[in-house]
Amino acid sequence: MSSDDLTALRLTIELAFVTTALLVLIGTPIAWWLARTRSRLQPVLAAVVAMPLVLPPTVLGFYLLLLLGPNGAVGRLTAALGLGTLAFSFGGLVLASIVYSLPFVVQPLQAAFALVGEATLEAAASLRAGPFDRFVSIAIPLARPGFVAAVVLGFAHVVGEFGIVLMIGGDIPGATRVLSVAIYDRVEAMDYAGAGRLAWGLLIFSFAVVLAMHWLGPTGAALPGRASRR
């Protein structure tokens, strides 16, 4: 691999690690609420979370670009704070990746939380365990397979993103050029051998992810779009 490819690999791994960590922090309370609530708003929020599954990445990227750009609401806010705009920056890539990969983390967690028995939580409540204590000491350990699946799927999805990262981050070497964009560059330059090497790496990685999902079993392998509902 060339130095540019190694830089793209490093940037891809950094993006995947940062995004996955934030996705778990953001997605866990959302998944818990979706799995346990009886609110009429549950289907609405579930549909919003699942939108990236059916919305073309370029459409989502276009609206995010408008939002993060100098004339967008977020862009004006970050500019006023002296942070510049998030468009065509690593921070913008992280934000776009969170939005686009959210269902790949929320839905496995939602399926796992839905399997947590109500009787177990009620027994803990009878022993004076508060809601937060029940969530941390009972729900999270019981939902461990869902967390494993969410982390693996979220990380893999971020690694394989192309359309939305190209729309938000562009193709800036050392700043926003990730592996998927590097493959696109190689193809445009008619360097099919170089593109093939990078593509084979992502292909092997994708196969390893799918294989891991099968090893995790039915609960851990809950895929987006098939999360259980109470």
C-alpha atoms as a PDB file:
ATOM      1  CA  MET A   1       0.000   0.000   0.000  1.00  0.00           C
ATOM      2  CA  SER A   2       1.170   3.519  -0.777  1.00  0.00           C
ATOM      3  CA  SER A   3       1.546   6.220   1.869  1.00  0.00           C
ATOM      4  CA  ASP A   4      -1.726   7.781   0.666  1.00  0.00           C
ATOM      5  CA  ASP A   5      -3.511   4.443   1.103  1.00  0.00           C
ATOM      6  CA  LEU A   6      -2.078   4.024   4.603  1.00  0.00           C
ATOM      7  CA  THR A   7      -3.239   7.517   5.483  1.00  0.00           C
ATOM      8  CA  ALA A   8      -6.719   6.701   4.164  1.00  0.00           C
ATOM      9  CA  LEU A   9      -6.704   3.479   6.200  1.00  0.00           C
ATOM     10  CA  ARG A  10      -5.700   5.342   9.365  1.00  0.00           C
ATOM     11  CA  LEU A  11      -8.384   7.965   8.806  1.00  0.00           C
ATOM     12  CA  THR A  12     -10.998   5.270   8.162  1.00  0.00           C
ATOM     13  CA  ILE A  13     -10.141   3.448  11.381  1.00  0.00           C
ATOM     14  CA  GLU A  14     -10.174   6.691  13.388  1.00  0.00           C
ATOM     15  CA  LEU A  15     -13.536   7.637  11.918  1.00  0.00           C
ATOM     16  CA  ALA A  16     -14.981   4.193  12.653  1.00  0.00           C
ATOM     17  CA  PHE A  17     -13.755   4.135  16.268  1.00  0.00           C
ATOM     18  CA  VAL A  18     -14.920   7.659  17.116  1.00  0.00           C
ATOM     19  CA  THR A  19     -18.282   7.251  15.373  1.00  0.00           C
ATOM     20  CA  THR A  20     -18.994   3.833  16.901  1.00  0.00           C
ATOM     21  CA  ALA A  21     -18.261   5.081  20.423  1.00  0.00           C
ATOM     22  CA  LEU A  22     -20.603   8.041  19.947  1.00  0.00           C
ATOM     23  CA  LEU A  23     -23.244   5.833  18.322  1.00  0.00           C
ATOM     24  CA  VAL A  24     -23.329   3.530  21.350  1.00  0.00           C
ATOM     25  CA  LEU A  25     -23.618   6.499  23.731  1.00  0.00           C
ATOM     26  CA  ILE A  26     -26.403   8.078  21.684  1.00  0.00           C
ATOM     27  CA  GLY A  27     -28.126   4.893  20.546  1.00  0.00           C
ATOM     28  CA  THR A  28     -28.385   3.125  23.920  1.00  0.00           C
ATOM     29  CA  PRO A  29     -30.977   5.446  25.544  1.00  0.00           C
ATOM     30  CA  ILE A  30     -32.873   5.697  22.264  1.00  0.00           C
ATOM     31  CA  ALA A  31     -33.019   1.898  21.919  1.00  0.00           C
ATOM     32  CA  TRP A  32     -34.079   1.476  25.558  1.00  0.00           C
ATOM     33  CA  TRP A  33     -36.931   3.951  25.136  1.00  0.00           C
ATOM     34  CA  LEU A  34     -38.082   2.367  21.873  1.00  0.00           C
ATOM     35  CA  ALA A  35     -38.035  -1.113  23.413  1.00  0.00           C
ATOM     36  CA  ARG A  36     -39.861  -0.285  26.646  1.00  0.00           C
ATOM     37  CA  THR A  37     -42.188   2.639  25.954  1.00  0.00           C
ATOM     38  CA  ARG A  38     -45.880   2.466  25.176  1.00  0.00           C
ATOM     39  CA  SER A  39     -46.012   6.021  23.907  1.00  0.00           C
ATOM     40  CA  ARG A  40     -47.828   6.787  20.668  1.00  0.00           C
ATOM     41  CA  LEU A  41     -44.662   8.553  19.528  1.00  0.00           C
ATOM     42  CA  GLN A  42     -42.722   5.277  19.488  1.00  0.00           C
ATOM     43  CA  PRO A  43     -43.473   4.462  15.828  1.00  0.00           C
ATOM     44  CA  VAL A  44     -42.593   8.018  14.820  1.00  0.00           C
ATOM     45  CA  LEU A  45     -39.159   7.952  16.451  1.00  0.00           C
ATOM     46  CA  ALA A  46     -38.553   4.402  15.198  1.00  0.00           C
ATOM     47  CA  ALA A  47     -39.315   5.571  11.654  1.00  0.00           C
ATOM     48  CA  VAL A  48     -36.977   8.566  11.995  1.00  0.00           C
ATOM     49  CA  VAL A  49     -34.153   6.330  13.237  1.00  0.00           C
ATOM     50  CA  ALA A  50     -34.723   3.851  10.404  1.00  0.00           C
ATOM     51  CA  MET A  51     -34.867   6.475   7.638  1.00  0.00           C
ATOM     52  CA  PRO A  52     -31.204   6.007   6.588  1.00  0.00           C
ATOM     53  CA  LEU A  53     -32.012   2.386   5.713  1.00  0.00           C
ATOM     54  CA  VAL A  54     -34.235   3.477   2.828  1.00  0.00           C
ATOM     55  CA  LEU A  55     -33.017   6.995   2.056  1.00  0.00           C
ATOM     56  CA  PRO A  56     -30.276   7.247  -0.610  1.00  0.00           C
ATOM     57  CA  PRO A  57     -26.975   8.354   0.990  1.00  0.00           C
ATOM     58  CA  THR A  58     -26.611  11.186  -1.508  1.00  0.00           C
ATOM     59  CA  VAL A  59     -30.012  12.607  -0.524  1.00  0.00           C
ATOM     60  CA  LEU A  60     -29.168  12.474   3.161  1.00  0.00           C
ATOM     61  CA  GLY A  61     -25.703  13.868   2.436  1.00  0.00           C
ATOM     62  CA  PHE A  62     -27.177  16.734   0.403  1.00  0.00           C
ATOM     63  CA  TYR A  63     -29.419  17.920   3.233  1.00  0.00           C
ATOM     64  CA  LEU A  64     -26.643  17.507   5.784  1.00  0.00           C
ATOM     65  CA  LEU A  65     -24.353  19.524   3.525  1.00  0.00           C
ATOM     66  CA  LEU A  66     -26.907  22.337   3.443  1.00  0.00           C
ATOM     67  CA  LEU A  67     -27.283  22.144   7.212  1.00  0.00           C
ATOM     68  CA  LEU A  68     -23.541  22.122   7.944  1.00  0.00           C
ATOM     69  CA  GLY A  69     -22.541  24.606   5.252  1.00  0.00           C
ATOM     70  CA  PRO A  70     -21.893  28.321   5.828  1.00  0.00           C
ATOM     71  CA  ASN A  71     -25.543  29.196   5.146  1.00  0.00           C
ATOM     72  CA  GLY A  72     -27.020  26.343   7.192  1.00  0.00           C
ATOM     73  CA  ALA A  73     -28.263  26.577  10.780  1.00  0.00           C
ATOM     74  CA  VAL A  74     -25.479  24.400  12.183  1.00  0.00           C
ATOM     75  CA  GLY A  75     -22.882  26.018   9.944  1.00  0.00           C
ATOM     76  CA  ARG A  76     -23.806  29.512  11.145  1.00  0.00           C
ATOM     77  CA  LEU A  77     -23.717  28.351  14.767  1.00  0.00           C
ATOM     78  CA  THR A  78     -20.278  26.720  14.509  1.00  0.00           C
ATOM     79  CA  ALA A  79     -18.955  29.740  12.608  1.00  0.00           C
ATOM     80  CA  ALA A  80     -20.252  32.091  15.318  1.00  0.00           C
ATOM     81  CA  LEU A  81     -18.467  29.952  17.914  1.00  0.00           C
ATOM     82  CA  GLY A  82     -15.229  30.297  15.987  1.00  0.00           C
ATOM     83  CA  LEU A  83     -15.191  26.636  14.949  1.00  0.00           C
ATOM     84  CA  GLY A  84     -15.637  27.194  11.228  1.00  0.00           C
ATOM     85  CA  THR A  85     -18.012  24.905   9.341  1.00  0.00           C
ATOM     86  CA  LEU A  86     -18.210  21.146   9.741  1.00  0.00           C
ATOM     87  CA  ALA A  87     -18.610  20.540   6.007  1.00  0.00           C
ATOM     88  CA  PHE A  88     -15.463  19.067   4.431  1.00  0.00           C
ATOM     89  CA  SER A  89     -13.906  18.320   7.811  1.00  0.00           C
ATOM     90  CA  PHE A  90     -13.338  15.246   9.972  1.00  0.00           C
ATOM     91  CA  GLY A  91     -15.962  16.508  12.419  1.00  0.00           C
ATOM     92  CA  GLY A  92     -18.468  16.675   9.585  1.00  0.00           C
ATOM     93  CA  LEU A  93     -17.625  13.093   8.621  1.00  0.00           C
ATOM     94  CA  VAL A  94     -18.273  11.968  12.193  1.00  0.00           C
ATOM     95  CA  LEU A  95     -21.643  13.729  12.355  1.00  0.00           C
ATOM     96  CA  ALA A  96     -22.745  12.390   8.962  1.00  0.00           C
ATOM     97  CA  SER A  97     -21.621   8.874   9.880  1.00  0.00           C
ATOM     98  CA  ILE A  98     -23.584   9.003  13.132  1.00  0.00           C
ATOM     99  CA  VAL A  99     -26.776   9.977  11.317  1.00  0.00           C
ATOM    100  CA  TYR A 100     -26.313   7.409   8.547  1.00  0.00           C
ATOM    101  CA  SER A 101     -25.275   4.491  10.786  1.00  0.00           C
ATOM    102  CA  LEU A 102     -27.670   5.107  13.688  1.00  0.00           C
ATOM    103  CA  PRO A 103     -30.162   2.327  12.796  1.00  0.00           C
ATOM    104  CA  PHE A 104     -27.341  -0.229  12.621  1.00  0.00           C
ATOM    105  CA  VAL A 105     -26.709   0.399  16.314  1.00  0.00           C
ATOM    106  CA  VAL A 106     -30.164   1.247  17.633  1.00  0.00           C
ATOM    107  CA  GLN A 107     -32.078  -1.675  16.159  1.00  0.00           C
ATOM    108  CA  PRO A 108     -29.852  -4.512  17.498  1.00  0.00           C
ATOM    109  CA  LEU A 109     -29.921  -2.823  20.910  1.00  0.00           C
ATOM    110  CA  GLN A 110     -33.679  -2.369  20.732  1.00  0.00           C
ATOM    111  CA  ALA A 111     -34.136  -6.070  19.966  1.00  0.00           C
ATOM    112  CA  ALA A 112     -31.890  -7.035  22.887  1.00  0.00           C
ATOM    113  CA  PHE A 113     -33.618  -4.684  25.332  1.00  0.00           C
ATOM    114  CA  ALA A 114     -37.030  -5.983  24.254  1.00  0.00           C
ATOM    115  CA  LEU A 115     -35.968  -9.444  25.467  1.00  0.00           C
ATOM    116  CA  VAL A 116     -35.188  -8.221  28.985  1.00  0.00           C
ATOM    117  CA  GLY A 117     -37.899  -9.728  31.175  1.00  0.00           C
ATOM    118  CA  GLU A 118     -40.260  -7.355  32.929  1.00  0.00           C
ATOM    119  CA  ALA A 119     -40.376  -9.702  35.933  1.00  0.00           C
ATOM    120  CA  THR A 120     -36.633  -9.351  36.453  1.00  0.00           C
ATOM    121  CA  LEU A 121     -36.867  -5.571  36.463  1.00  0.00           C
ATOM    122  CA  GLU A 122     -39.854  -5.640  38.822  1.00  0.00           C
ATOM    123  CA  ALA A 123     -37.986  -7.941  41.204  1.00  0.00           C
ATOM    124  CA  ALA A 124     -35.092  -5.478  41.274  1.00  0.00           C
ATOM    125  CA  ALA A 125     -37.526  -2.621  41.875  1.00  0.00           C
ATOM    126  CA  SER A 126     -38.995  -4.514  44.845  1.00  0.00           C
ATOM    127  CA  LEU A 127     -35.474  -4.554  46.315  1.00  0.00           C
ATOM    128  CA  ARG A 128     -35.430  -0.737  46.052  1.00  0.00           C
ATOM    129  CA  ALA A 129     -33.279  -0.569  42.926  1.00  0.00           C
ATOM    130  CA  GLY A 130     -33.921   2.705  41.126  1.00  0.00           C
ATOM    131  CA  PRO A 131     -34.583   3.004  37.374  1.00  0.00           C
ATOM    132  CA  PHE A 132     -30.978   3.889  36.566  1.00  0.00           C
ATOM    133  CA  ASP A 133     -29.638   1.105  38.795  1.00  0.00           C
ATOM    134  CA  ARG A 134     -31.945  -1.430  37.127  1.00  0.00           C
ATOM    135  CA  PHE A 135     -30.827  -0.249  33.723  1.00  0.00           C
ATOM    136  CA  VAL A 136     -27.092  -0.416  34.490  1.00  0.00           C
ATOM    137  CA  SER A 137     -26.962  -3.554  36.637  1.00  0.00           C
ATOM    138  CA  ILE A 138     -29.634  -5.661  34.931  1.00  0.00           C
ATOM    139  CA  ALA A 139     -30.674  -4.458  31.481  1.00  0.00           C
ATOM    140  CA  ILE A 140     -27.204  -3.736  30.080  1.00  0.00           C
ATOM    141  CA  PRO A 141     -25.637  -7.077  31.154  1.00  0.00           C
ATOM    142  CA  LEU A 142     -28.623  -9.019  29.802  1.00  0.00           C
ATOM    143  CA  ALA A 143     -28.422  -7.092  26.516  1.00  0.00           C
ATOM    144  CA  ARG A 144     -24.699  -7.787  26.061  1.00  0.00           C
ATOM    145  CA  PRO A 145     -25.151  -9.755  22.780  1.00  0.00           C
ATOM    146  CA  GLY A 146     -27.051  -6.806  21.360  1.00  0.00           C
ATOM    147  CA  PHE A 147     -24.224  -4.455  22.304  1.00  0.00           C
ATOM    148  CA  VAL A 148     -21.687  -6.717  20.598  1.00  0.00           C
ATOM    149  CA  ALA A 149     -23.802  -6.833  17.444  1.00  0.00           C
ATOM    150  CA  ALA A 150     -24.378  -3.077  17.527  1.00  0.00           C
ATOM    151  CA  VAL A 151     -20.666  -2.315  17.855  1.00  0.00           C
ATOM    152  CA  VAL A 152     -19.673  -4.722  15.085  1.00  0.00           C
ATOM    153  CA  LEU A 153     -22.388  -3.564  12.688  1.00  0.00           C
ATOM    154  CA  GLY A 154     -21.873   0.112  13.449  1.00  0.00           C
ATOM    155  CA  PHE A 155     -18.100  -0.090  13.003  1.00  0.00           C
ATOM    156  CA  ALA A 156     -18.408  -2.085   9.767  1.00  0.00           C
ATOM    157  CA  HIS A 157     -21.019   0.244   8.318  1.00  0.00           C
ATOM    158  CA  VAL A 158     -18.883   3.306   8.956  1.00  0.00           C
ATOM    159  CA  VAL A 159     -15.879   1.621   7.312  1.00  0.00           C
ATOM    160  CA  GLY A 160     -17.904   0.873   4.186  1.00  0.00           C
ATOM    161  CA  GLU A 161     -19.632   4.247   3.782  1.00  0.00           C
ATOM    162  CA  PHE A 162     -19.073   6.067   0.497  1.00  0.00           C
ATOM    163  CA  GLY A 163     -21.866   8.316  -0.750  1.00  0.00           C
ATOM    164  CA  ILE A 164     -22.454  10.333   2.378  1.00  0.00           C
ATOM    165  CA  VAL A 165     -18.761  10.719   3.265  1.00  0.00           C
ATOM    166  CA  LEU A 166     -18.035  11.943  -0.255  1.00  0.00           C
ATOM    167  CA  MET A 167     -20.887  14.461  -0.059  1.00  0.00           C
ATOM    168  CA  ILE A 168     -19.930  15.801   3.382  1.00  0.00           C
ATOM    169  CA  GLY A 169     -16.171  15.343   3.417  1.00  0.00           C
ATOM    170  CA  GLY A 170     -15.203  15.551  -0.229  1.00  0.00           C
ATOM    171  CA  ASP A 171     -11.843  14.079  -1.183  1.00  0.00           C
ATOM    172  CA  ILE A 172      -9.168  15.868   0.851  1.00  0.00           C
ATOM    173  CA  PRO A 173      -6.003  13.765   1.296  1.00  0.00           C
ATOM    174  CA  GLY A 174      -5.083  13.303   4.938  1.00  0.00           C
ATOM    175  CA  ALA A 175      -8.271  15.009   6.134  1.00  0.00           C
ATOM    176  CA  THR A 176     -11.398  13.386   4.675  1.00  0.00           C
ATOM    177  CA  ARG A 177     -10.228  10.787   2.130  1.00  0.00           C
ATOM    178  CA  VAL A 178     -11.266   7.426   3.589  1.00  0.00           C
ATOM    179  CA  LEU A 179     -10.740   3.988   2.042  1.00  0.00           C
ATOM    180  CA  SER A 180     -14.005   3.903   0.097  1.00  0.00           C
ATOM    181  CA  VAL A 181     -13.175   7.260  -1.488  1.00  0.00           C
ATOM    182  CA  ALA A 182      -9.608   6.103  -2.166  1.00  0.00           C
ATOM    183  CA  ILE A 183     -10.992   3.152  -4.153  1.00  0.00           C
ATOM    184  CA  TYR A 184     -13.134   5.546  -6.169  1.00  0.00           C
ATOM    185  CA  ASP A 185     -10.071   7.689  -6.886  1.00  0.00           C
ATOM    186  CA  ARG A 186      -8.105   4.662  -8.077  1.00  0.00           C
ATOM    187  CA  VAL A 187     -10.899   3.662 -10.440  1.00  0.00           C
ATOM    188  CA  GLU A 188     -11.164   7.186 -11.841  1.00  0.00           C
ATOM    189  CA  ALA A 189      -7.410   7.122 -12.449  1.00  0.00           C
ATOM    190  CA  MET A 190      -7.852   3.714 -14.165  1.00  0.00           C
ATOM    191  CA  ASP A 191      -5.572   2.134 -11.543  1.00  0.00           C
ATOM    192  CA  TYR A 192      -7.638  -1.033 -11.357  1.00  0.00           C
ATOM    193  CA  ALA A 193      -4.860  -3.040  -9.703  1.00  0.00           C
ATOM    194  CA  GLY A 194      -4.629  -0.559  -6.831  1.00  0.00           C
ATOM    195  CA  ALA A 195      -8.419  -0.321  -6.533  1.00  0.00           C
ATOM    196  CA  GLY A 196      -8.603  -4.109  -6.531  1.00  0.00           C
ATOM    197  CA  ARG A 197      -6.188  -4.432  -3.623  1.00  0.00           C
ATOM    198  CA  LEU A 198      -8.164  -1.985  -1.503  1.00  0.00           C
ATOM    199  CA  ALA A 199     -11.480  -3.529  -2.552  1.00  0.00           C
ATOM    200  CA  TRP A 200     -10.277  -7.027  -1.657  1.00  0.00           C
ATOM    201  CA  GLY A 201      -9.370  -5.773   1.811  1.00  0.00           C
ATOM    202  CA  LEU A 202     -12.849  -4.364   2.358  1.00  0.00           C
ATOM    203  CA  LEU A 203     -14.411  -7.518   0.918  1.00  0.00           C
ATOM    204  CA  ILE A 204     -12.558  -9.726   3.386  1.00  0.00           C
ATOM    205  CA  PHE A 205     -13.468  -7.364   6.212  1.00  0.00           C
ATOM    206  CA  SER A 206     -17.160  -7.457   5.241  1.00  0.00           C
ATOM    207  CA  PHE A 207     -17.157 -11.269   5.126  1.00  0.00           C
ATOM    208  CA  ALA A 208     -15.583 -11.382   8.593  1.00  0.00           C
ATOM    209  CA  VAL A 209     -18.361  -9.110   9.903  1.00  0.00           C
ATOM    210  CA  VAL A 210     -21.146 -11.276   8.449  1.00  0.00           C
ATOM    211  CA  LEU A 211     -19.467 -14.404   9.816  1.00  0.00           C
ATOM    212  CA  ALA A 212     -19.218 -12.794  13.248  1.00  0.00           C
ATOM    213  CA  MET A 213     -22.940 -12.023  13.133  1.00  0.00           C
ATOM    214  CA  HIS A 214     -23.705 -15.712  12.607  1.00  0.00           C
ATOM    215  CA  TRP A 215     -21.419 -16.705  15.471  1.00  0.00           C
ATOM    216  CA  LEU A 216     -23.174 -14.290  17.794  1.00  0.00           C
ATOM    217  CA  GLY A 217     -26.426 -16.209  17.524  1.00  0.00           C
ATOM    218  CA  PRO A 218     -30.052 -15.061  17.051  1.00  0.00           C
ATOM    219  CA  THR A 219     -30.054 -12.323  19.701  1.00  0.00           C
ATOM    220  CA  GLY A 220     -26.694 -10.814  18.895  1.00  0.00           C
ATOM    221  CA  ALA A 221     -27.274 -11.003  15.186  1.00  0.00           C
ATOM    222  CA  ALA A 222     -30.428  -8.894  15.166  1.00  0.00           C
ATOM    223  CA  LEU A 223     -30.068  -6.950  11.945  1.00  0.00           C
ATOM    224  CA  PRO A 224     -31.525  -3.499  11.233  1.00  0.00           C
ATOM    225  CA  GLY A 225     -35.097  -3.726  10.043  1.00  0.00           C
ATOM    226  CA  ARG A 226     -35.768  -6.872  12.078  1.00  0.00           C
ATOM    227  CA  ALA A 227     -35.647  -5.529  15.617  1.00  0.00           C
ATOM    228  CA  SER A 228     -38.313  -6.944  17.917  1.00  0.00           C
ATOM    229  CA  ARG A 229     -41.050  -4.734  19.261  1.00  0.00           C
ATOM    230  CA  ARG A 230     -43.003  -5.165  22.441  1.00  0.00           C
END
